[in-house]
Amino acid sequence: MTHVVTQPCFNCKHTDCVVVCPCDCFYEGKTMLFINPEECIDCDACTSECPTEAIFQHEHVPAEWKGYIELNAEMVAVSPNITEKQLPLSGN
């Protein structure tokens, strides 16, 4: 199982979750973060750190956000890895 970043992260990109990840499995897109499903060890450290509650275990992603499961897997291939805390997008 893996974790998935979903819609509440869009135009937000708080990186509190990134610094607690023991596997460095977060990737940064232009408007949101993504989790690499091949690297995530399902430790659950990131979920409690996300201030927008955007991270879910794969099996618990709300129905309206199921498309984010595939989106995370696709976007990590074209996004840089992120391992350090950064400022969120402006206004957040």
N, C-alpha and C. Protein backbone atom coordinates (compact mmCIF):
# COMPACT_ATOMS: atom_id res chain seq x y z
N MET A 1 0.84 -1.19 0.00
CA MET A 1 0.00 0.00 0.00
C MET A 1 0.89 1.24 0.00
N THR A 2 0.31 2.33 -0.41
CA THR A 2 1.06 3.58 -0.50
C THR A 2 0.15 4.74 -0.11
N HIS A 3 0.73 5.88 0.02
CA HIS A 3 -0.04 7.10 0.29
C HIS A 3 -0.15 7.92 -0.99
N VAL A 4 -1.17 8.77 -1.04
CA VAL A 4 -1.48 9.55 -2.23
C VAL A 4 -1.77 10.99 -1.82
N VAL A 5 -1.19 11.94 -2.55
CA VAL A 5 -1.50 13.36 -2.35
C VAL A 5 -2.69 13.69 -3.25
N THR A 6 -3.70 14.36 -2.67
CA THR A 6 -4.93 14.60 -3.42
C THR A 6 -5.24 16.11 -3.55
N GLN A 7 -6.42 16.42 -4.01
CA GLN A 7 -6.87 17.75 -4.38
C GLN A 7 -6.59 18.86 -3.38
N PRO A 8 -6.72 18.67 -2.07
CA PRO A 8 -6.47 19.79 -1.15
C PRO A 8 -5.04 20.36 -1.23
N CYS A 9 -4.11 19.64 -1.82
CA CYS A 9 -2.74 20.14 -1.99
C CYS A 9 -2.62 21.06 -3.20
N PHE A 10 -3.58 21.02 -4.11
CA PHE A 10 -3.52 21.82 -5.32
C PHE A 10 -3.46 23.31 -4.98
N ASN A 11 -2.48 23.98 -5.53
CA ASN A 11 -2.21 25.41 -5.27
C ASN A 11 -1.87 25.70 -3.81
N CYS A 12 -1.30 24.75 -3.14
CA CYS A 12 -0.97 24.88 -1.73
C CYS A 12 0.51 24.59 -1.49
N LYS A 13 0.89 23.34 -1.63
CA LYS A 13 2.26 22.85 -1.48
C LYS A 13 2.91 23.18 -0.14
N HIS A 14 2.21 22.92 0.95
CA HIS A 14 2.89 22.95 2.24
C HIS A 14 3.85 21.77 2.23
N THR A 15 5.00 21.92 2.79
CA THR A 15 6.00 20.85 2.74
C THR A 15 6.31 20.25 4.10
N ASP A 16 5.42 20.43 5.04
CA ASP A 16 5.60 19.82 6.37
C ASP A 16 5.72 18.30 6.24
N CYS A 17 4.98 17.72 5.33
CA CYS A 17 4.98 16.27 5.11
C CYS A 17 6.32 15.78 4.57
N VAL A 18 6.97 16.59 3.78
CA VAL A 18 8.22 16.22 3.13
C VAL A 18 9.32 15.94 4.14
N VAL A 19 9.44 16.78 5.14
CA VAL A 19 10.56 16.65 6.09
C VAL A 19 10.43 15.46 7.03
N VAL A 20 9.24 14.89 7.18
CA VAL A 20 9.09 13.73 8.06
C VAL A 20 9.16 12.41 7.31
N CYS A 21 9.23 12.47 6.00
CA CYS A 21 9.25 11.24 5.19
C CYS A 21 10.62 10.56 5.28
N PRO A 22 10.67 9.34 5.80
CA PRO A 22 11.95 8.65 5.93
C PRO A 22 12.49 8.11 4.60
N CYS A 23 11.67 8.13 3.56
CA CYS A 23 12.06 7.56 2.27
C CYS A 23 12.30 8.60 1.18
N ASP A 24 12.09 9.87 1.50
CA ASP A 24 12.24 10.93 0.51
C ASP A 24 11.44 10.62 -0.76
N CYS A 25 10.19 10.26 -0.57
CA CYS A 25 9.37 9.85 -1.72
C CYS A 25 8.44 10.94 -2.24
N PHE A 26 8.66 12.20 -1.82
CA PHE A 26 7.85 13.30 -2.31
C PHE A 26 8.51 13.96 -3.52
N TYR A 27 7.66 14.37 -4.45
CA TYR A 27 8.10 15.05 -5.67
C TYR A 27 7.29 16.32 -5.83
N GLU A 28 7.92 17.34 -6.42
CA GLU A 28 7.29 18.65 -6.48
C GLU A 28 6.87 19.01 -7.90
N GLY A 29 5.56 19.16 -8.08
CA GLY A 29 5.03 19.67 -9.33
C GLY A 29 4.86 21.18 -9.23
N LYS A 30 4.38 21.81 -10.30
CA LYS A 30 4.19 23.26 -10.29
C LYS A 30 3.16 23.70 -9.26
N THR A 31 2.10 22.92 -9.09
CA THR A 31 1.01 23.37 -8.23
C THR A 31 0.73 22.46 -7.04
N MET A 32 1.41 21.33 -6.95
CA MET A 32 1.18 20.43 -5.81
C MET A 32 2.32 19.43 -5.68
N LEU A 33 2.29 18.69 -4.60
CA LEU A 33 3.27 17.64 -4.34
C LEU A 33 2.70 16.30 -4.75
N PHE A 34 3.58 15.31 -4.94
CA PHE A 34 3.18 13.96 -5.31
C PHE A 34 4.02 12.97 -4.52
N ILE A 35 3.48 11.78 -4.31
CA ILE A 35 4.19 10.70 -3.62
C ILE A 35 4.47 9.59 -4.63
N ASN A 36 5.72 9.13 -4.65
CA ASN A 36 6.09 8.03 -5.53
C ASN A 36 5.60 6.73 -4.91
N PRO A 37 4.67 6.03 -5.56
CA PRO A 37 4.13 4.80 -4.98
C PRO A 37 5.15 3.66 -4.90
N GLU A 38 6.22 3.76 -5.69
CA GLU A 38 7.27 2.74 -5.65
C GLU A 38 8.23 2.95 -4.47
N GLU A 39 8.26 4.15 -3.93
CA GLU A 39 9.19 4.48 -2.84
C GLU A 39 8.52 4.55 -1.48
N CYS A 40 7.22 4.83 -1.45
CA CYS A 40 6.50 4.98 -0.19
C CYS A 40 6.43 3.64 0.55
N ILE A 41 6.77 3.67 1.83
CA ILE A 41 6.74 2.44 2.65
C ILE A 41 5.50 2.39 3.54
N ASP A 42 4.57 3.31 3.32
CA ASP A 42 3.30 3.32 4.04
C ASP A 42 3.49 3.48 5.55
N CYS A 43 4.44 4.35 5.93
CA CYS A 43 4.72 4.54 7.35
C CYS A 43 3.71 5.46 8.03
N ASP A 44 2.97 6.24 7.24
CA ASP A 44 1.91 7.12 7.74
C ASP A 44 2.43 8.38 8.44
N ALA A 45 3.73 8.65 8.39
CA ALA A 45 4.27 9.83 9.06
C ALA A 45 3.77 11.12 8.44
N CYS A 46 3.53 11.12 7.15
CA CYS A 46 3.16 12.35 6.43
C CYS A 46 1.72 12.79 6.67
N THR A 47 0.82 11.87 6.90
CA THR A 47 -0.60 12.24 6.96
C THR A 47 -0.91 13.23 8.08
N SER A 48 -0.35 13.03 9.23
CA SER A 48 -0.63 13.93 10.35
C SER A 48 0.06 15.28 10.21
N GLU A 49 1.07 15.37 9.36
CA GLU A 49 1.81 16.62 9.16
C GLU A 49 1.17 17.51 8.10
N CYS A 50 0.27 16.99 7.32
CA CYS A 50 -0.34 17.76 6.23
C CYS A 50 -1.43 18.68 6.78
N PRO A 51 -1.20 20.01 6.71
CA PRO A 51 -2.18 20.94 7.28
C PRO A 51 -3.49 21.02 6.50
N THR A 52 -3.49 20.53 5.26
CA THR A 52 -4.73 20.58 4.45
C THR A 52 -5.42 19.21 4.36
N GLU A 53 -4.87 18.23 5.05
CA GLU A 53 -5.43 16.87 5.05
C GLU A 53 -5.60 16.35 3.63
N ALA A 54 -4.53 16.49 2.84
CA ALA A 54 -4.55 16.09 1.43
C ALA A 54 -3.99 14.70 1.19
N ILE A 55 -3.40 14.07 2.20
CA ILE A 55 -2.73 12.79 2.01
C ILE A 55 -3.57 11.66 2.62
N PHE A 56 -3.78 10.63 1.79
CA PHE A 56 -4.59 9.47 2.20
C PHE A 56 -3.85 8.19 1.85
N GLN A 57 -4.13 7.14 2.62
CA GLN A 57 -3.68 5.83 2.20
C GLN A 57 -4.43 5.49 0.92
N HIS A 58 -3.76 4.81 0.03
CA HIS A 58 -4.30 4.44 -1.28
C HIS A 58 -5.74 3.93 -1.18
N GLU A 59 -5.99 3.06 -0.26
CA GLU A 59 -7.31 2.43 -0.13
C GLU A 59 -8.37 3.36 0.47
N HIS A 60 -7.96 4.50 1.03
CA HIS A 60 -8.90 5.43 1.67
C HIS A 60 -9.06 6.75 0.92
N VAL A 61 -8.56 6.82 -0.30
CA VAL A 61 -8.73 8.04 -1.09
C VAL A 61 -10.23 8.20 -1.37
N PRO A 62 -10.80 9.37 -1.08
CA PRO A 62 -12.23 9.59 -1.36
C PRO A 62 -12.54 9.36 -2.84
N ALA A 63 -13.72 8.87 -3.11
CA ALA A 63 -14.12 8.51 -4.47
C ALA A 63 -13.89 9.63 -5.48
N GLU A 64 -14.21 10.86 -5.08
CA GLU A 64 -14.07 11.97 -6.02
C GLU A 64 -12.61 12.31 -6.34
N TRP A 65 -11.67 11.75 -5.60
CA TRP A 65 -10.25 12.03 -5.83
C TRP A 65 -9.47 10.80 -6.26
N LYS A 66 -10.13 9.72 -6.65
CA LYS A 66 -9.45 8.48 -7.05
C LYS A 66 -8.47 8.72 -8.20
N GLY A 67 -8.75 9.69 -9.06
CA GLY A 67 -7.85 9.99 -10.18
C GLY A 67 -6.47 10.43 -9.74
N TYR A 68 -6.35 10.90 -8.51
CA TYR A 68 -5.06 11.33 -7.99
C TYR A 68 -4.11 10.16 -7.74
N ILE A 69 -4.64 8.96 -7.63
CA ILE A 69 -3.78 7.78 -7.46
C ILE A 69 -2.89 7.64 -8.70
N GLU A 70 -3.50 7.67 -9.86
CA GLU A 70 -2.77 7.57 -11.11
C GLU A 70 -1.92 8.82 -11.36
N LEU A 71 -2.47 9.98 -11.03
CA LEU A 71 -1.75 11.23 -11.24
C LEU A 71 -0.44 11.25 -10.46
N ASN A 72 -0.45 10.80 -9.20
CA ASN A 72 0.78 10.76 -8.42
C ASN A 72 1.82 9.87 -9.11
N ALA A 73 1.41 8.70 -9.54
CA ALA A 73 2.33 7.77 -10.20
C ALA A 73 2.90 8.35 -11.49
N GLU A 74 2.08 9.06 -12.23
CA GLU A 74 2.54 9.66 -13.49
C GLU A 74 3.48 10.84 -13.25
N MET A 75 3.13 11.69 -12.31
CA MET A 75 3.87 12.95 -12.13
C MET A 75 5.24 12.78 -11.48
N VAL A 76 5.45 11.74 -10.71
CA VAL A 76 6.78 11.57 -10.10
C VAL A 76 7.84 11.30 -11.15
N ALA A 77 7.44 10.81 -12.30
CA ALA A 77 8.39 10.54 -13.38
C ALA A 77 8.90 11.82 -14.03
N VAL A 78 8.16 12.91 -13.90
CA VAL A 78 8.54 14.17 -14.57
C VAL A 78 8.74 15.32 -13.59
N SER A 79 8.76 15.02 -12.31
CA SER A 79 8.89 16.05 -11.27
C SER A 79 10.14 15.80 -10.45
N PRO A 80 10.78 16.87 -9.96
CA PRO A 80 11.98 16.68 -9.13
C PRO A 80 11.62 16.23 -7.71
N ASN A 81 12.52 15.46 -7.15
CA ASN A 81 12.38 15.01 -5.77
C ASN A 81 12.54 16.22 -4.85
N ILE A 82 11.78 16.24 -3.76
CA ILE A 82 11.87 17.32 -2.78
C ILE A 82 12.09 16.69 -1.41
N THR A 83 13.09 17.21 -0.68
CA THR A 83 13.42 16.64 0.63
C THR A 83 13.50 17.68 1.74
N GLU A 84 13.39 18.95 1.38
CA GLU A 84 13.51 20.00 2.39
C GLU A 84 12.26 20.87 2.43
N LYS A 85 12.00 21.44 3.58
CA LYS A 85 10.86 22.32 3.76
C LYS A 85 11.04 23.59 2.93
N GLN A 86 9.97 24.01 2.29
CA GLN A 86 9.95 25.24 1.49
C GLN A 86 8.70 26.03 1.86
N LEU A 87 8.67 27.27 1.45
CA LEU A 87 7.47 28.07 1.67
C LEU A 87 6.35 27.54 0.79
N PRO A 88 5.11 27.52 1.30
CA PRO A 88 4.00 27.09 0.46
C PRO A 88 3.73 28.14 -0.63
N LEU A 89 2.88 27.79 -1.57
CA LEU A 89 2.52 28.76 -2.60
C LEU A 89 1.91 29.98 -1.93
N SER A 90 2.09 31.15 -2.50
CA SER A 90 1.63 32.39 -1.88
C SER A 90 0.14 32.34 -1.59
N GLY A 91 -0.23 32.92 -0.46
CA GLY A 91 -1.62 32.95 -0.05
C GLY A 91 -2.05 31.76 0.78
N ASN A 92 -1.14 30.81 1.01
CA ASN A 92 -1.49 29.61 1.78
C ASN A 92 -0.73 29.54 3.07
